[in-house]
Each structure stands twice: as C-alpha cells, then as structure tokens.
Amino acid sequence: MRNTARWAATLGLTATAVCGPLTGSALATPSSAPASLYAPSALVLTVGHGVNAAAATPERAVTLNCAPSASGTHPAAPDACAELRAVGGDFDALTARAGVMCTQIWNPVVVTAQGVWQGKRVSFERTFANECVKDAAATSVFSF
C-alpha cells in the first residue's frame, strides 16, 4: 500500500511539474489576446485587362488589411479601409464619384477582391468598360 501511495504522489508531482508550466504560459501570453479582439479583415485586390477574371491576366495585385489598423501593400490603405467600412464591406455599394466624365472606349478592366472582411469570406469581381470608369467607381479601393 505504501508503494502505491508513493507512485501516485510521484506521478502527480511529475505531471504537475511537466504540464503546469505549459498551461500557465499558454494562458498568460499577452501577444495572443489582442488578436482575438478583432475579426479578421484581410483582402487581396487585383486589377487586369479582360472581360472577366478567368480571361484576364492580373496586372497588379495588392494586399489590404483593415483590422486592427490599416496596413498591407495597398498605397492608400487607410483611405481604402475607410471606404470599405463606410459601406460595410459591400463592394457593390461603392459608388461612382459625381462629375467624372469618361470616354466610351471599350477596353475592359476587371477587378477582384478575395479574402475575409470582418470574419466573413469575400469573393468579388467586377468588369468596367475602361480604366477611367474603374477609377471613378471604385475611388481608392482599386486605385493602385
């Protein structure tokens, strides 16, 4: 009976010594706490010439991260994130700027957005008649 009690005590202390620091450090990691406070908003935006994304060759691509702050390779990340926040991440709600006049030349430009906006999957594609129409409609989100 004495040996059984010693073995139980030894195994209990060993388990506490080995596993105790592992659970304590996992709970006390300060760098993991802030990441869980924000829903992810990370997108890859592309621009190319063609009638749709399948037929077009992407000419430019950037990344856009909007949570917890604007970052990525997008040249105007804060402005693009502000525009997307204003429309709740709905790319179809991005409206054309008033007073912009474009030619009616057919040189199709296709834009895509793939990724996550506030924790929800995003897959967007739109074809514009030409570069001028794209710039007028998408303001700074697809201006890169």
C-alpha atoms as a PDB file:
ATOM      1  CA  MET A   1       0.000   0.000   0.000  1.00  0.00           C
ATOM      2  CA  ARG A   2       2.879   2.362   0.789  1.00  0.00           C
ATOM      3  CA  ASN A   3       4.421   1.833  -2.667  1.00  0.00           C
ATOM      4  CA  THR A   4       1.109   2.613  -4.394  1.00  0.00           C
ATOM      5  CA  ALA A   5       0.783   5.877  -2.476  1.00  0.00           C
ATOM      6  CA  ARG A   6       4.388   6.832  -3.313  1.00  0.00           C
ATOM      7  CA  TRP A   7       3.867   6.096  -7.014  1.00  0.00           C
ATOM      8  CA  ALA A   8       0.633   8.085  -7.095  1.00  0.00           C
ATOM      9  CA  ALA A   9       2.305  11.029  -5.381  1.00  0.00           C
ATOM     10  CA  THR A  10       5.344  10.811  -7.674  1.00  0.00           C
ATOM     11  CA  LEU A  11       3.215  10.670 -10.830  1.00  0.00           C
ATOM     12  CA  GLY A  12       1.044  13.544  -9.625  1.00  0.00           C
ATOM     13  CA  LEU A  13       4.059  15.753  -8.864  1.00  0.00           C
ATOM     14  CA  THR A  14       5.707  14.832 -12.178  1.00  0.00           C
ATOM     15  CA  ALA A  15       2.569  15.673 -14.132  1.00  0.00           C
ATOM     16  CA  THR A  16       2.275  18.989 -12.293  1.00  0.00           C
ATOM     17  CA  ALA A  17       5.943  19.813 -12.894  1.00  0.00           C
ATOM     18  CA  VAL A  18       5.813  18.960 -16.605  1.00  0.00           C
ATOM     19  CA  CYS A  19       2.336  20.172 -17.577  1.00  0.00           C
ATOM     20  CA  GLY A  20       1.957  23.078 -15.165  1.00  0.00           C
ATOM     21  CA  PRO A  21       4.317  25.476 -16.954  1.00  0.00           C
ATOM     22  CA  LEU A  22       2.755  24.621 -20.311  1.00  0.00           C
ATOM     23  CA  THR A  23      -0.753  25.614 -19.288  1.00  0.00           C
ATOM     24  CA  GLY A  24       0.414  28.688 -17.389  1.00  0.00           C
ATOM     25  CA  SER A  25       2.397  30.104 -20.306  1.00  0.00           C
ATOM     26  CA  ALA A  26      -0.390  29.436 -22.795  1.00  0.00           C
ATOM     27  CA  LEU A  27      -2.865  31.351 -20.679  1.00  0.00           C
ATOM     28  CA  ALA A  28      -0.506  34.201 -19.896  1.00  0.00           C
ATOM     29  CA  THR A  29       0.637  35.031 -23.447  1.00  0.00           C
ATOM     30  CA  PRO A  30      -0.178  38.735 -23.855  1.00  0.00           C
ATOM     31  CA  SER A  31       0.513  38.825 -27.606  1.00  0.00           C
ATOM     32  CA  SER A  32      -2.291  36.380 -28.409  1.00  0.00           C
ATOM     33  CA  ALA A  33      -5.005  38.314 -26.545  1.00  0.00           C
ATOM     34  CA  PRO A  34      -5.322  41.436 -28.787  1.00  0.00           C
ATOM     35  CA  ALA A  35      -5.562  39.387 -31.992  1.00  0.00           C
ATOM     36  CA  SER A  36      -8.723  37.719 -30.765  1.00  0.00           C
ATOM     37  CA  LEU A  37     -10.455  41.065 -30.160  1.00  0.00           C
ATOM     38  CA  TYR A  38     -10.738  41.878 -33.876  1.00  0.00           C
ATOM     39  CA  ALA A  39     -12.496  39.967 -36.624  1.00  0.00           C
ATOM     40  CA  PRO A  40     -10.004  39.486 -39.467  1.00  0.00           C
ATOM     41  CA  SER A  41     -10.207  41.806 -42.459  1.00  0.00           C
ATOM     42  CA  ALA A  42      -7.545  40.806 -44.965  1.00  0.00           C
ATOM     43  CA  LEU A  43      -8.018  41.057 -48.725  1.00  0.00           C
ATOM     44  CA  VAL A  44      -6.071  40.515 -51.932  1.00  0.00           C
ATOM     45  CA  LEU A  45      -7.140  43.013 -54.596  1.00  0.00           C
ATOM     46  CA  THR A  46      -6.247  42.580 -58.288  1.00  0.00           C
ATOM     47  CA  VAL A  47      -6.642  44.637 -61.465  1.00  0.00           C
ATOM     48  CA  GLY A  48      -6.288  43.312 -65.006  1.00  0.00           C
ATOM     49  CA  HIS A  49      -7.478  43.849 -68.565  1.00  0.00           C
ATOM     50  CA  GLY A  50     -10.143  41.492 -69.893  1.00  0.00           C
ATOM     51  CA  VAL A  51     -13.869  40.824 -69.820  1.00  0.00           C
ATOM     52  CA  ASN A  52     -13.726  38.651 -66.682  1.00  0.00           C
ATOM     53  CA  ALA A  53     -11.217  37.360 -64.159  1.00  0.00           C
ATOM     54  CA  ALA A  54     -10.901  33.980 -65.892  1.00  0.00           C
ATOM     55  CA  ALA A  55      -9.904  35.601 -69.209  1.00  0.00           C
ATOM     56  CA  ALA A  56      -7.851  38.463 -67.769  1.00  0.00           C
ATOM     57  CA  THR A  57      -4.246  38.408 -66.720  1.00  0.00           C
ATOM     58  CA  PRO A  58      -3.813  40.228 -63.409  1.00  0.00           C
ATOM     59  CA  GLU A  59      -1.529  43.199 -63.979  1.00  0.00           C
ATOM     60  CA  ARG A  60      -1.382  44.465 -60.416  1.00  0.00           C
ATOM     61  CA  ALA A  61      -2.184  42.935 -57.044  1.00  0.00           C
ATOM     62  CA  VAL A  62      -2.032  44.345 -53.520  1.00  0.00           C
ATOM     63  CA  THR A  63      -2.911  43.234 -50.017  1.00  0.00           C
ATOM     64  CA  LEU A  64      -5.202  45.210 -47.740  1.00  0.00           C
ATOM     65  CA  ASN A  65      -5.550  44.535 -44.011  1.00  0.00           C
ATOM     66  CA  CYS A  66      -8.077  46.662 -42.147  1.00  0.00           C
ATOM     67  CA  ALA A  67      -8.158  45.205 -38.623  1.00  0.00           C
ATOM     68  CA  PRO A  68      -6.947  46.257 -36.153  1.00  0.00           C
ATOM     69  CA  SER A  69      -5.419  49.021 -38.286  1.00  0.00           C
ATOM     70  CA  ALA A  70      -4.957  49.698 -41.997  1.00  0.00           C
ATOM     71  CA  SER A  71      -1.878  48.067 -43.495  1.00  0.00           C
ATOM     72  CA  GLY A  72      -0.687  45.983 -46.423  1.00  0.00           C
ATOM     73  CA  THR A  73       0.872  46.787 -49.776  1.00  0.00           C
ATOM     74  CA  HIS A  74      -2.062  48.969 -50.879  1.00  0.00           C
ATOM     75  CA  PRO A  75      -0.699  52.517 -51.472  1.00  0.00           C
ATOM     76  CA  ALA A  76      -3.718  54.170 -49.777  1.00  0.00           C
ATOM     77  CA  ALA A  77      -4.626  51.528 -47.189  1.00  0.00           C
ATOM     78  CA  PRO A  78      -6.234  53.910 -44.630  1.00  0.00           C
ATOM     79  CA  ASP A  79      -8.470  55.503 -47.286  1.00  0.00           C
ATOM     80  CA  ALA A  80      -9.455  52.143 -48.811  1.00  0.00           C
ATOM     81  CA  CYS A  81     -10.290  50.688 -45.380  1.00  0.00           C
ATOM     82  CA  ALA A  82     -12.346  53.770 -44.500  1.00  0.00           C
ATOM     83  CA  GLU A  83     -14.342  53.442 -47.734  1.00  0.00           C
ATOM     84  CA  LEU A  84     -14.982  49.751 -47.141  1.00  0.00           C
ATOM     85  CA  ARG A  85     -16.016  50.372 -43.531  1.00  0.00           C
ATOM     86  CA  ALA A  86     -18.449  53.064 -44.713  1.00  0.00           C
ATOM     87  CA  VAL A  87     -20.261  50.529 -46.939  1.00  0.00           C
ATOM     88  CA  GLY A  88     -19.951  47.619 -44.502  1.00  0.00           C
ATOM     89  CA  GLY A  89     -17.542  45.738 -46.778  1.00  0.00           C
ATOM     90  CA  ASP A  90     -20.096  45.614 -49.611  1.00  0.00           C
ATOM     91  CA  PHE A  91     -18.055  46.178 -52.770  1.00  0.00           C
ATOM     92  CA  ASP A  92     -21.230  46.592 -54.831  1.00  0.00           C
ATOM     93  CA  ALA A  93     -22.137  49.626 -52.703  1.00  0.00           C
ATOM     94  CA  LEU A  94     -19.019  51.553 -53.740  1.00  0.00           C
ATOM     95  CA  THR A  95     -20.483  54.345 -55.842  1.00  0.00           C
ATOM     96  CA  ALA A  96     -19.064  56.427 -58.652  1.00  0.00           C
ATOM     97  CA  ARG A  97     -17.785  59.884 -57.923  1.00  0.00           C
ATOM     98  CA  ALA A  98     -20.003  62.648 -59.217  1.00  0.00           C
ATOM     99  CA  GLY A  99     -18.857  64.782 -62.126  1.00  0.00           C
ATOM    100  CA  VAL A 100     -16.379  62.319 -63.658  1.00  0.00           C
ATOM    101  CA  MET A 101     -16.551  62.174 -67.450  1.00  0.00           C
ATOM    102  CA  CYS A 102     -15.098  59.138 -69.229  1.00  0.00           C
ATOM    103  CA  THR A 103     -14.820  58.175 -72.878  1.00  0.00           C
ATOM    104  CA  GLN A 104     -16.906  55.320 -74.216  1.00  0.00           C
ATOM    105  CA  ILE A 105     -13.910  53.347 -75.441  1.00  0.00           C
ATOM    106  CA  TRP A 106     -14.301  49.624 -74.765  1.00  0.00           C
ATOM    107  CA  ASN A 107     -11.070  48.469 -73.119  1.00  0.00           C
ATOM    108  CA  PRO A 108     -12.415  46.261 -70.295  1.00  0.00           C
ATOM    109  CA  VAL A 109     -10.756  46.276 -66.903  1.00  0.00           C
ATOM    110  CA  VAL A 110     -11.622  43.610 -64.345  1.00  0.00           C
ATOM    111  CA  VAL A 111     -11.077  43.957 -60.593  1.00  0.00           C
ATOM    112  CA  THR A 112     -11.274  41.228 -57.979  1.00  0.00           C
ATOM    113  CA  ALA A 113     -11.245  41.043 -54.194  1.00  0.00           C
ATOM    114  CA  GLN A 114     -10.608  37.766 -52.381  1.00  0.00           C
ATOM    115  CA  GLY A 115     -10.221  37.203 -48.671  1.00  0.00           C
ATOM    116  CA  VAL A 116     -12.029  37.952 -45.437  1.00  0.00           C
ATOM    117  CA  TRP A 117     -13.928  41.073 -44.332  1.00  0.00           C
ATOM    118  CA  GLN A 118     -14.765  41.218 -40.617  1.00  0.00           C
ATOM    119  CA  GLY A 119     -14.623  37.436 -40.358  1.00  0.00           C
ATOM    120  CA  LYS A 120     -16.751  36.703 -43.449  1.00  0.00           C
ATOM    121  CA  ARG A 121     -15.437  35.262 -46.709  1.00  0.00           C
ATOM    122  CA  VAL A 122     -15.349  37.729 -49.614  1.00  0.00           C
ATOM    123  CA  SER A 123     -15.210  36.912 -53.320  1.00  0.00           C
ATOM    124  CA  PHE A 124     -15.893  39.883 -55.587  1.00  0.00           C
ATOM    125  CA  GLU A 125     -15.413  40.513 -59.311  1.00  0.00           C
ATOM    126  CA  ARG A 126     -16.496  43.444 -61.475  1.00  0.00           C
ATOM    127  CA  THR A 127     -15.708  44.431 -65.057  1.00  0.00           C
ATOM    128  CA  PHE A 128     -15.552  48.111 -66.040  1.00  0.00           C
ATOM    129  CA  ALA A 129     -15.660  49.496 -69.590  1.00  0.00           C
ATOM    130  CA  ASN A 130     -12.220  51.108 -69.219  1.00  0.00           C
ATOM    131  CA  GLU A 131      -9.699  52.382 -66.666  1.00  0.00           C
ATOM    132  CA  CYS A 132     -11.435  55.756 -66.282  1.00  0.00           C
ATOM    133  CA  VAL A 133     -14.768  54.148 -65.369  1.00  0.00           C
ATOM    134  CA  LYS A 134     -12.979  51.871 -62.867  1.00  0.00           C
ATOM    135  CA  ASP A 135     -11.235  54.798 -61.202  1.00  0.00           C
ATOM    136  CA  ALA A 136     -14.489  56.760 -60.993  1.00  0.00           C
ATOM    137  CA  ALA A 137     -16.456  53.879 -59.471  1.00  0.00           C
ATOM    138  CA  ALA A 138     -14.021  52.336 -57.045  1.00  0.00           C
ATOM    139  CA  THR A 139     -12.424  55.531 -55.695  1.00  0.00           C
ATOM    140  CA  SER A 140      -9.353  54.463 -53.713  1.00  0.00           C
ATOM    141  CA  VAL A 141     -10.128  50.771 -53.091  1.00  0.00           C
ATOM    142  CA  PHE A 142      -8.985  49.664 -56.565  1.00  0.00           C
ATOM    143  CA  SER A 143      -6.673  52.630 -57.267  1.00  0.00           C
ATOM    144  CA  PHE A 144      -3.230  51.074 -57.226  1.00  0.00           C
END
